[in-house]
Amino acid sequence: MGYLLKNVSIIDVESEKVIHGSIEIQGERITQIFHGEVSRKYEETYDMQGKFAIPGLMDMHCHIKEGFAPHFVASGVTAVRNTAGNVIELDDLIHAENDAPTPCVYSADRMIDGAPGLWGPTGIANFVTEDPEEGREEVRRQVREGAQFIKVYGLLSKPVMKAVVEEANKYNLEVSCDLIHSTISALEAAELGVTWFEHASGIVQAMYPGWHMQAEGFDIDWENINQDKIDDVCEKLLAYNVKLCPTLTVFDQIQLLPDSWDPENEITQTCGLTEHWKELARHEKMYKEHMGFLTNSIKRIARTYHDLGGTVVAGTDSPAGVWTFPGMGLHRELELFVEMGLTEMEALQAATNKAARSISLEQVGVIKENYLADLVILEKNPLDNIENTKEIFKIIKGGKIYDQKAILEAVPSKEYLEKKSKEFEKKFTVVS
C-alpha cells in the first residue's frame, strides 16, 4: 500500500500555489494527492504538519564525481546536468536506481575544444582538434558512449563548431557552449545552432565586438554595463530560443571566498574539496581580476533574458571555482536569482519544472500524480524566504525517505574511489 505524507503544504510550481494536502507514494512514484481527509490505510503514515514539500531540485550545470555525488542529494538536489566529464567514468551514477542516494545524472561527455586546449591536450575530459571531420567523429563516439548532449569549449574554431553542431543535430542532441574565453560571440554561436549558453557566456562578446578575456584596450564599466546593449543582444538570442545557465554562484564565490558558508554545516565540511579550494584561493587576486568582475553583468543579462520570456535555469558549476559546494551551492544560486530580481517562486521554478522542461526530462520537476517521487520536505516556507530551501527535514528520492545524515554515510571511501579510478583509466584507454 505504500506510505502517506499527511498534512503537508505542497509548493505547486506549475500553478504557483501552495496546496495543503497529503501525498500518497507507492514504490518510486507519487500515486495520489489528496486535498481532504484520507481514510485509506497505509504501511506508514507520516504527519508533516507545518512542513513544506517542494520538488527535488536540479543543478543544471555541475561536474559530478562519485566521491561527492551523495552531497547533492543530502542538499535536496535529486538531479543534475553534468556539463562535461566522461560518461564512461560516470556509468554507475548514470545507471543508478531511482531510489539511490545519488542524483539522476543527465550528462555530456568530454568537451570539444580547439588547440592548444584550455585544459591541455586531449584527455579523459576534453578532446582537442582543429579538424572539422575529427570533431564530427568525436560527436559520433560520444553518441555511442551514451552522451545526452554535446559540450563545446572556448578555443574551438567556428568551422569545427559548425561541424560539431551539424553532427549533433543528426542525433537530435543539443549543443552547449562555454564561451568565456572564446572570441566567438553568443550570436555567432546561436547562428551556428548552439542551444545552451553556460555562464551566459558569449553575450559580452556580442555586446562589445572584439572583446574577450585576454583582450586589451577595452575600458568597460562592469558595474554599469550598458542596458541597451544587453536588451539588443538578448532580444536577438530569444529569436533563436537559446537557453541560459548563468551559474552566478561560481562568480559570486570568487568575491566571497568561504565567507558565505556556515563552518558547522556537515554537508559543506565533508565533501573532501576544502583543501583543493584553499590552494586555489591563494590566487584570489587573479581570480577576482579575471572572473569576479563579471558577476553583476551576468546577473543583469540573466534577468533581462528571463524578463523577455527566455529560458534561464539554475546551475552552479560545482565544484569548479572556489567553495562552490556540491549540492549546497545550488541554494546559494537560488538566493542570487532572488537578488537579481526574480521572485522566490521563479527561483524555485528555475531549479524544478522549468529546468526539467528545458532538457525534456519527463515525470520530474513537479509534485504530481504519476511523477517520480523526488521531493524535499522543508521545515519552513521557501516562498517566504528562499534561504529556507536549506532548512531540510527529509529528502525523498525515488520514493525512498532519507535524512541528511544517512545520505552522507553513503559517501564512498577513499580506497573504493581509488580502485574505481584505476578501473576507469583501463576502460578509457581501451575505447579512446
Protein backbone atom coordinates (compact mmCIF):
# COMPACT_ATOMS: atom_id res chain seq x y z
CA MET A 1 0.00 0.00 0.00
CA GLY A 2 2.97 2.38 0.14
CA TYR A 3 3.00 5.32 2.54
CA LEU A 4 1.35 8.68 3.07
CA LEU A 5 2.80 12.12 3.73
CA LYS A 6 -0.07 13.66 5.67
CA ASN A 7 -0.92 17.33 6.23
CA VAL A 8 1.88 18.80 4.13
CA SER A 9 1.94 22.17 2.37
CA ILE A 10 2.77 21.37 -1.27
CA ILE A 11 4.55 24.04 -3.31
CA ASP A 12 2.97 23.59 -6.75
CA VAL A 13 5.49 25.15 -9.14
CA GLU A 14 3.09 24.80 -12.08
CA SER A 15 0.04 26.57 -10.62
CA GLU A 16 2.27 28.75 -8.40
CA LYS A 17 0.03 27.94 -5.44
CA VAL A 18 0.56 26.35 -2.04
CA ILE A 19 -1.77 23.37 -1.63
CA HIS A 20 -2.42 21.84 1.77
CA GLY A 21 -2.94 18.12 1.39
CA SER A 22 -1.47 14.63 1.58
CA ILE A 23 0.78 12.76 -0.83
CA GLU A 24 0.47 9.02 -1.43
CA ILE A 25 3.67 7.32 -2.59
CA GLN A 26 3.89 3.74 -3.82
CA GLY A 27 7.21 2.38 -4.98
CA GLU A 28 9.11 5.14 -6.72
CA ARG A 29 6.09 7.21 -7.77
CA ILE A 30 3.57 9.70 -6.45
CA THR A 31 0.30 7.83 -6.93
CA GLN A 32 -2.25 10.24 -5.50
CA ILE A 33 -2.56 13.70 -3.97
CA PHE A 34 -5.42 14.22 -1.53
CA HIS A 35 -6.93 17.58 -0.65
CA GLY A 36 -9.05 16.46 2.29
CA GLU A 37 -9.22 13.72 4.90
CA VAL A 38 -7.71 10.37 3.91
CA SER A 39 -9.42 7.22 5.19
CA ARG A 40 -7.21 4.73 3.37
CA LYS A 41 -4.79 2.65 5.46
CA TYR A 42 -1.05 2.63 4.70
CA GLU A 43 2.03 0.75 5.77
CA GLU A 44 3.32 4.04 7.16
CA THR A 45 1.74 7.47 7.64
CA TYR A 46 3.98 10.47 8.33
CA ASP A 47 2.39 13.59 9.75
CA MET A 48 4.01 16.57 8.03
CA GLN A 49 2.00 19.28 9.74
CA GLY A 50 3.89 22.57 9.42
CA LYS A 51 6.24 21.18 6.77
CA PHE A 52 6.57 22.22 3.11
CA ALA A 53 7.14 19.93 0.13
CA ILE A 54 9.00 21.08 -2.97
CA PRO A 55 10.07 19.03 -5.99
CA GLY A 56 13.58 17.65 -5.85
CA LEU A 57 15.94 20.37 -7.02
CA MET A 58 18.03 20.19 -10.20
CA ASP A 59 21.53 21.62 -10.61
CA MET A 60 21.67 22.44 -14.31
CA HIS A 61 25.43 22.94 -14.53
CA CYS A 62 27.85 20.89 -12.47
CA HIS A 63 30.73 18.45 -12.81
CA ILE A 64 29.75 15.48 -10.71
CA LYS A 65 32.02 12.74 -9.39
CA GLU A 66 31.07 9.63 -7.47
CA GLY A 67 33.01 10.80 -4.40
CA PHE A 68 30.69 13.72 -3.70
CA ALA A 69 27.52 12.64 -5.53
CA PRO A 70 25.66 11.94 -2.23
CA HIS A 71 26.26 15.54 -1.15
CA PHE A 72 23.90 16.68 -3.88
CA VAL A 73 21.02 14.53 -2.63
CA ALA A 74 21.77 15.42 1.00
CA SER A 75 21.23 19.03 -0.11
CA GLY A 76 17.91 18.22 -1.79
CA VAL A 77 19.37 18.11 -5.31
CA THR A 78 17.90 14.96 -6.83
CA ALA A 79 19.01 15.52 -10.44
CA VAL A 80 21.98 17.16 -12.13
CA ARG A 81 23.03 18.17 -15.61
CA ASN A 82 26.69 17.24 -15.89
CA THR A 83 28.26 19.70 -18.30
CA ALA A 84 31.38 17.77 -19.31
CA GLY A 85 33.37 14.98 -17.80
CA ASN A 86 33.39 11.42 -19.02
CA VAL A 87 30.30 9.25 -19.33
CA ILE A 88 32.37 6.07 -19.00
CA GLU A 89 33.59 7.23 -15.60
CA LEU A 90 30.03 8.17 -14.60
CA ASP A 91 28.40 4.98 -15.84
CA ASP A 92 27.43 3.70 -12.38
CA LEU A 93 25.89 7.06 -11.43
CA ILE A 94 24.04 7.42 -14.72
CA HIS A 95 22.51 3.96 -14.40
CA ALA A 96 21.85 4.00 -10.64
CA GLU A 97 18.41 3.02 -9.35
CA ASN A 98 15.94 5.86 -8.95
CA ASP A 99 15.95 5.48 -5.16
CA ALA A 100 19.75 5.56 -4.85
CA PRO A 101 21.26 8.28 -2.60
CA THR A 102 22.84 9.87 -5.67
CA PRO A 103 21.21 12.25 -8.14
CA CYS A 104 19.78 11.37 -11.52
CA VAL A 105 22.55 12.33 -13.97
CA TYR A 106 21.91 13.91 -17.38
CA SER A 107 25.37 14.14 -18.90
CA ALA A 108 27.62 15.37 -21.64
CA ASP A 109 30.85 13.53 -22.36
CA ARG A 110 34.23 15.22 -22.68
CA MET A 111 34.14 18.79 -24.00
CA ILE A 112 35.32 19.51 -27.53
CA ASP A 113 37.92 22.29 -27.64
CA GLY A 114 40.38 23.89 -30.04
CA ALA A 115 44.18 23.82 -29.87
CA PRO A 116 46.09 24.00 -27.62
CA GLY A 117 43.15 23.25 -25.30
CA LEU A 118 42.17 25.41 -22.35
CA TRP A 119 42.58 22.32 -20.16
CA GLY A 120 45.57 20.98 -22.07
CA PRO A 121 45.74 18.37 -24.85
CA THR A 122 43.18 15.65 -25.47
CA GLY A 123 42.49 13.62 -22.34
CA ILE A 124 39.75 11.91 -20.35
CA ALA A 125 37.62 15.07 -20.05
CA ASN A 126 38.44 17.04 -23.20
CA PHE A 127 39.02 16.45 -26.90
CA VAL A 128 41.17 18.99 -28.76
CA THR A 129 41.02 19.44 -32.52
CA GLU A 130 41.29 21.93 -35.36
CA ASP A 131 39.79 19.48 -37.87
CA PRO A 132 36.02 19.59 -38.58
CA GLU A 133 35.96 15.91 -39.51
CA GLU A 134 37.67 14.95 -36.26
CA GLY A 135 35.02 16.99 -34.47
CA ARG A 136 32.27 15.05 -36.24
CA GLU A 137 33.88 11.73 -35.37
CA GLU A 138 34.17 12.74 -31.71
CA VAL A 139 30.45 13.51 -31.68
CA ARG A 140 29.75 10.07 -33.13
CA ARG A 141 31.99 8.46 -30.49
CA GLN A 142 30.21 10.34 -27.72
CA VAL A 143 26.83 9.25 -29.08
CA ARG A 144 27.99 5.62 -28.99
CA GLU A 145 29.07 6.05 -25.37
CA GLY A 146 25.70 7.50 -24.37
CA ALA A 147 26.25 11.27 -24.16
CA GLN A 148 22.94 13.10 -23.78
CA PHE A 149 24.21 16.42 -25.14
CA ILE A 150 27.44 17.82 -26.58
CA LYS A 151 29.66 20.47 -24.96
CA VAL A 152 31.97 22.78 -26.94
CA TYR A 153 34.62 24.92 -25.32
CA GLY A 154 36.37 28.27 -25.54
CA LEU A 155 39.16 27.73 -28.09
CA LEU A 156 37.10 25.83 -30.65
CA SER A 157 37.11 27.42 -34.11
CA LYS A 158 33.90 28.34 -35.93
CA PRO A 159 34.40 25.72 -38.70
CA VAL A 160 34.78 22.92 -36.14
CA MET A 161 31.90 24.25 -34.03
CA LYS A 162 29.70 24.28 -37.13
CA ALA A 163 30.66 20.69 -37.93
CA VAL A 164 30.01 19.56 -34.35
CA VAL A 165 26.56 21.17 -34.30
CA GLU A 166 25.63 19.64 -37.65
CA GLU A 167 26.71 16.19 -36.50
CA ALA A 168 24.92 16.52 -33.15
CA ASN A 169 21.73 17.53 -34.94
CA LYS A 170 21.76 14.21 -36.80
CA TYR A 171 21.29 12.51 -33.43
CA ASN A 172 18.86 15.09 -32.03
CA LEU A 173 21.40 16.18 -29.42
CA GLU A 174 21.62 19.77 -28.23
CA VAL A 175 24.97 21.55 -28.16
CA SER A 176 26.09 23.52 -25.13
CA CYS A 177 28.91 26.07 -25.13
CA ASP A 178 31.22 27.80 -22.69
CA LEU A 179 32.48 30.90 -24.50
CA ILE A 180 34.04 32.73 -21.54
CA HIS A 181 37.50 32.53 -23.12
CA SER A 182 36.29 32.50 -26.74
CA THR A 183 36.48 35.11 -29.48
CA ILE A 184 33.18 33.72 -30.82
CA SER A 185 30.13 35.65 -29.64
CA ALA A 186 26.86 34.19 -28.40
CA LEU A 187 25.10 35.47 -31.53
CA GLU A 188 27.62 33.76 -33.80
CA ALA A 189 27.26 30.51 -31.87
CA ALA A 190 23.46 30.77 -31.93
CA GLU A 191 23.57 31.25 -35.69
CA LEU A 192 25.55 28.01 -35.92
CA GLY A 193 22.82 26.23 -33.95
CA VAL A 194 24.27 26.12 -30.43
CA THR A 195 21.37 25.87 -27.96
CA TRP A 196 22.86 26.26 -24.47
CA PHE A 197 24.98 29.11 -23.19
CA GLU A 198 26.74 28.14 -19.97
CA HIS A 199 27.64 31.02 -17.64
CA ALA A 200 25.57 33.23 -20.01
CA SER A 201 28.85 33.31 -21.90
CA GLY A 202 29.50 34.91 -25.27
CA ILE A 203 26.97 37.67 -24.63
CA VAL A 204 29.58 40.22 -23.58
CA GLN A 205 31.48 39.44 -26.81
CA ALA A 206 28.25 40.16 -28.72
CA MET A 207 27.76 43.48 -26.91
CA TYR A 208 31.38 44.59 -27.33
CA PRO A 209 32.75 43.13 -30.60
CA GLY A 210 36.43 42.31 -30.28
CA TRP A 211 36.31 41.86 -26.51
CA HIS A 212 37.40 38.58 -24.98
CA MET A 213 39.02 37.58 -21.69
CA GLN A 214 42.55 38.23 -22.97
CA ALA A 215 41.69 41.36 -24.97
CA GLU A 216 43.41 44.66 -24.22
CA GLY A 217 42.32 48.23 -24.85
CA PHE A 218 38.72 47.86 -23.63
CA ASP A 219 37.50 50.24 -20.93
CA ILE A 220 34.19 48.68 -19.87
CA ASP A 221 32.42 49.84 -16.71
CA TRP A 222 31.37 46.40 -15.49
CA GLU A 223 29.29 47.78 -12.64
CA ASN A 224 27.24 49.95 -15.02
CA ILE A 225 27.19 47.95 -18.22
CA ASN A 226 25.03 49.43 -20.99
CA GLN A 227 21.46 48.10 -20.63
CA ASP A 228 20.55 48.94 -24.22
CA LYS A 229 23.31 46.61 -25.40
CA ILE A 230 22.04 43.85 -23.10
CA ASP A 231 18.48 44.31 -24.37
CA ASP A 232 19.57 44.22 -28.01
CA VAL A 233 21.62 41.03 -27.73
CA CYS A 234 19.08 39.23 -25.52
CA GLU A 235 16.24 40.03 -27.92
CA LYS A 236 18.28 38.60 -30.80
CA LEU A 237 19.15 35.48 -28.81
CA LEU A 238 15.49 34.98 -27.92
CA ALA A 239 14.73 34.62 -31.62
CA TYR A 240 17.00 31.55 -31.61
CA ASN A 241 15.26 30.21 -28.46
CA VAL A 242 18.58 29.63 -26.72
CA LYS A 243 18.84 28.70 -23.05
CA LEU A 244 20.99 30.36 -20.40
CA CYS A 245 22.51 28.85 -17.29
CA PRO A 246 24.24 31.83 -15.67
CA THR A 247 25.98 29.96 -12.80
CA LEU A 248 26.04 33.15 -10.74
CA THR A 249 27.43 31.39 -7.71
CA VAL A 250 30.74 30.46 -9.34
CA PHE A 251 31.44 34.15 -9.96
CA ASP A 252 29.97 35.29 -6.65
CA GLN A 253 32.07 32.85 -4.63
CA ILE A 254 35.22 34.32 -6.15
CA GLN A 255 34.23 37.54 -4.39
CA LEU A 256 33.06 35.90 -1.15
CA LEU A 257 35.52 33.01 -0.90
CA PRO A 258 34.38 30.85 2.07
CA ASP A 259 32.68 33.69 3.93
CA SER A 260 29.10 32.80 2.97
CA TRP A 261 29.20 29.28 4.42
CA ASP A 262 28.36 28.03 7.89
CA PRO A 263 31.51 26.25 9.15
CA GLU A 264 29.32 23.93 11.24
CA ASN A 265 27.37 22.64 8.24
CA GLU A 266 28.11 18.94 7.94
CA ILE A 267 27.41 18.85 4.20
CA THR A 268 29.91 21.57 3.37
CA GLN A 269 32.55 20.11 5.65
CA THR A 270 32.52 16.53 4.35
CA CYS A 271 32.83 16.87 0.58
CA GLY A 272 36.62 16.48 0.56
CA LEU A 273 37.28 19.55 -1.59
CA THR A 274 38.20 22.16 1.01
CA GLU A 275 41.98 21.77 0.73
CA HIS A 276 41.75 22.00 -3.06
CA TRP A 277 39.80 25.26 -2.80
CA LYS A 278 42.21 26.68 -0.23
CA GLU A 279 45.04 26.12 -2.69
CA LEU A 280 43.10 27.86 -5.46
CA ALA A 281 42.21 30.73 -3.13
CA ARG A 282 45.90 31.59 -2.88
CA HIS A 283 45.37 33.10 -6.33
CA GLU A 284 42.48 35.27 -5.10
CA LYS A 285 43.68 38.44 -6.87
CA MET A 286 43.97 36.66 -10.22
CA TYR A 287 40.51 35.09 -9.85
CA LYS A 288 38.85 38.38 -8.99
CA GLU A 289 40.56 40.22 -11.85
CA HIS A 290 39.73 37.56 -14.42
CA MET A 291 36.30 36.32 -13.34
CA GLY A 292 34.78 38.11 -10.36
CA PHE A 293 34.15 41.32 -12.28
CA LEU A 294 31.55 39.51 -14.40
CA THR A 295 29.12 38.82 -11.53
CA ASN A 296 26.89 41.89 -11.82
CA SER A 297 26.87 41.98 -15.62
CA ILE A 298 25.82 38.31 -15.79
CA LYS A 299 23.07 38.97 -13.23
CA ARG A 300 21.70 41.73 -15.45
CA ILE A 301 21.98 39.63 -18.60
CA ALA A 302 20.16 36.70 -16.95
CA ARG A 303 17.43 38.93 -15.52
CA THR A 304 16.88 40.62 -18.90
CA TYR A 305 16.64 37.31 -20.76
CA HIS A 306 14.24 35.95 -18.14
CA ASP A 307 12.03 39.05 -18.35
CA LEU A 308 11.89 38.68 -22.14
CA GLY A 309 10.49 35.17 -21.67
CA GLY A 310 13.69 33.27 -22.34
CA THR A 311 14.75 30.09 -20.57
CA VAL A 312 17.06 30.77 -17.62
CA VAL A 313 17.85 27.86 -15.30
CA ALA A 314 19.80 27.43 -12.08
CA GLY A 315 23.24 25.83 -12.06
CA THR A 316 26.43 26.19 -10.05
CA ASP A 317 29.48 24.86 -11.95
CA SER A 318 30.17 22.94 -8.74
CA PRO A 319 32.84 22.07 -7.76
CA ALA A 320 34.66 24.38 -10.21
CA GLY A 321 35.87 27.72 -8.93
CA VAL A 322 36.21 28.08 -5.16
CA TRP A 323 33.84 26.97 -2.38
CA THR A 324 31.11 26.00 -4.83
CA PHE A 325 29.90 23.17 -2.63
CA PRO A 326 28.21 20.22 -4.39
CA GLY A 327 24.52 20.48 -3.61
CA MET A 328 24.62 23.38 -1.20
CA GLY A 329 25.92 25.64 -3.95
CA LEU A 330 22.53 25.44 -5.64
CA HIS A 331 20.85 27.01 -2.61
CA ARG A 332 23.23 29.94 -2.95
CA GLU A 333 22.36 30.14 -6.66
CA LEU A 334 18.66 30.41 -5.80
CA GLU A 335 19.46 33.23 -3.38
CA LEU A 336 21.33 35.03 -6.16
CA PHE A 337 18.36 34.54 -8.51
CA VAL A 338 16.18 36.35 -5.98
CA GLU A 339 18.84 39.03 -5.53
CA MET A 340 18.78 39.69 -9.27
CA GLY A 341 15.04 40.33 -9.14
CA LEU A 342 13.20 37.03 -9.52
CA THR A 343 10.52 36.02 -7.05
CA GLU A 344 11.06 33.04 -4.76
CA MET A 345 8.64 31.04 -6.91
CA GLU A 346 10.51 31.93 -10.10
CA ALA A 347 13.80 30.92 -8.50
CA LEU A 348 12.33 27.55 -7.49
CA GLN A 349 10.97 27.03 -11.00
CA ALA A 350 14.44 27.61 -12.43
CA ALA A 351 15.61 24.55 -10.48
CA THR A 352 12.49 22.37 -10.84
CA ASN A 353 9.82 22.31 -13.56
CA LYS A 354 11.47 24.79 -15.94
CA ALA A 355 14.79 23.04 -15.51
CA ALA A 356 13.26 19.64 -16.30
CA ARG A 357 11.36 21.02 -19.28
CA SER A 358 14.50 22.64 -20.70
CA ILE A 359 16.09 19.22 -21.25
CA SER A 360 12.85 17.34 -21.95
CA LEU A 361 13.05 15.30 -18.75
CA GLU A 362 9.61 13.88 -18.09
CA GLN A 363 7.97 12.95 -14.79
CA VAL A 364 10.31 15.03 -12.63
CA GLY A 365 10.38 18.65 -11.50
CA VAL A 366 6.78 18.77 -10.23
CA ILE A 367 4.88 17.20 -7.33
CA LYS A 368 2.25 15.47 -9.41
CA GLU A 369 0.45 12.15 -9.66
CA ASN A 370 2.37 9.51 -11.65
CA TYR A 371 5.59 11.54 -11.41
CA LEU A 372 8.72 10.21 -9.75
CA ALA A 373 8.64 10.70 -6.00
CA ASP A 374 11.63 13.04 -5.84
CA LEU A 375 10.77 15.59 -3.15
CA VAL A 376 12.36 17.73 -0.47
CA ILE A 377 10.49 18.29 2.79
CA LEU A 378 11.36 21.65 4.33
CA GLU A 379 10.91 22.99 7.84
CA LYS A 380 9.97 26.46 6.58
CA ASN A 381 8.21 28.04 3.61
CA PRO A 382 10.70 28.86 0.81
CA LEU A 383 8.23 31.37 -0.65
CA ASP A 384 8.65 33.49 2.48
CA ASN A 385 12.43 33.42 2.17
CA ILE A 386 14.39 31.50 -0.46
CA GLU A 387 17.05 30.71 2.15
CA ASN A 388 14.51 28.32 3.66
CA THR A 389 15.37 25.78 0.94
CA LYS A 390 18.34 24.94 3.17
CA GLU A 391 16.02 24.05 6.09
CA ILE A 392 15.76 20.41 5.05
CA PHE A 393 13.76 17.93 7.13
CA LYS A 394 13.77 14.91 4.80
CA ILE A 395 14.70 14.07 1.22
CA ILE A 396 12.65 11.60 -0.81
CA LYS A 397 14.47 10.06 -3.77
CA GLY A 398 12.62 7.59 -5.99
CA GLY A 399 10.14 7.07 -3.17
CA LYS A 400 12.75 6.28 -0.52
CA ILE A 401 12.85 8.58 2.50
CA TYR A 402 16.29 9.80 3.58
CA ASP A 403 17.64 12.12 6.19
CA GLN A 404 20.83 14.05 5.51
CA LYS A 405 22.99 12.07 7.90
CA ALA A 406 22.07 8.72 6.33
CA ILE A 407 22.93 10.03 2.87
CA LEU A 408 26.33 11.32 3.98
CA GLU A 409 27.08 7.89 5.39
CA ALA A 410 26.78 6.61 1.80
CA VAL A 411 29.80 8.65 0.68
CA PRO A 412 32.24 6.11 -0.79
CA SER A 413 35.60 5.51 0.87
CA LYS A 414 38.88 6.86 -0.47
CA GLU A 415 40.07 3.29 -1.14
CA TYR A 416 36.94 2.47 -3.15
CA LEU A 417 37.31 5.64 -5.23
CA GLU A 418 40.97 4.93 -5.97
CA LYS A 419 40.05 1.43 -7.14
CA LYS A 420 37.25 2.79 -9.36
CA SER A 421 39.61 5.41 -10.81
CA LYS A 422 42.10 2.75 -11.88
CA GLU A 423 39.33 0.65 -13.42
CA PHE A 424 38.07 3.69 -15.34
CA GLU A 425 41.53 4.52 -16.70
CA LYS A 426 41.80 0.98 -18.09
CA LYS A 427 38.34 1.19 -19.68
CA PHE A 428 39.00 4.60 -21.19
CA THR A 429 42.35 3.52 -22.66
CA VAL A 430 40.53 0.74 -24.50
CA VAL A 431 37.81 2.90 -26.06
CA SER A 432 39.53 6.27 -26.64
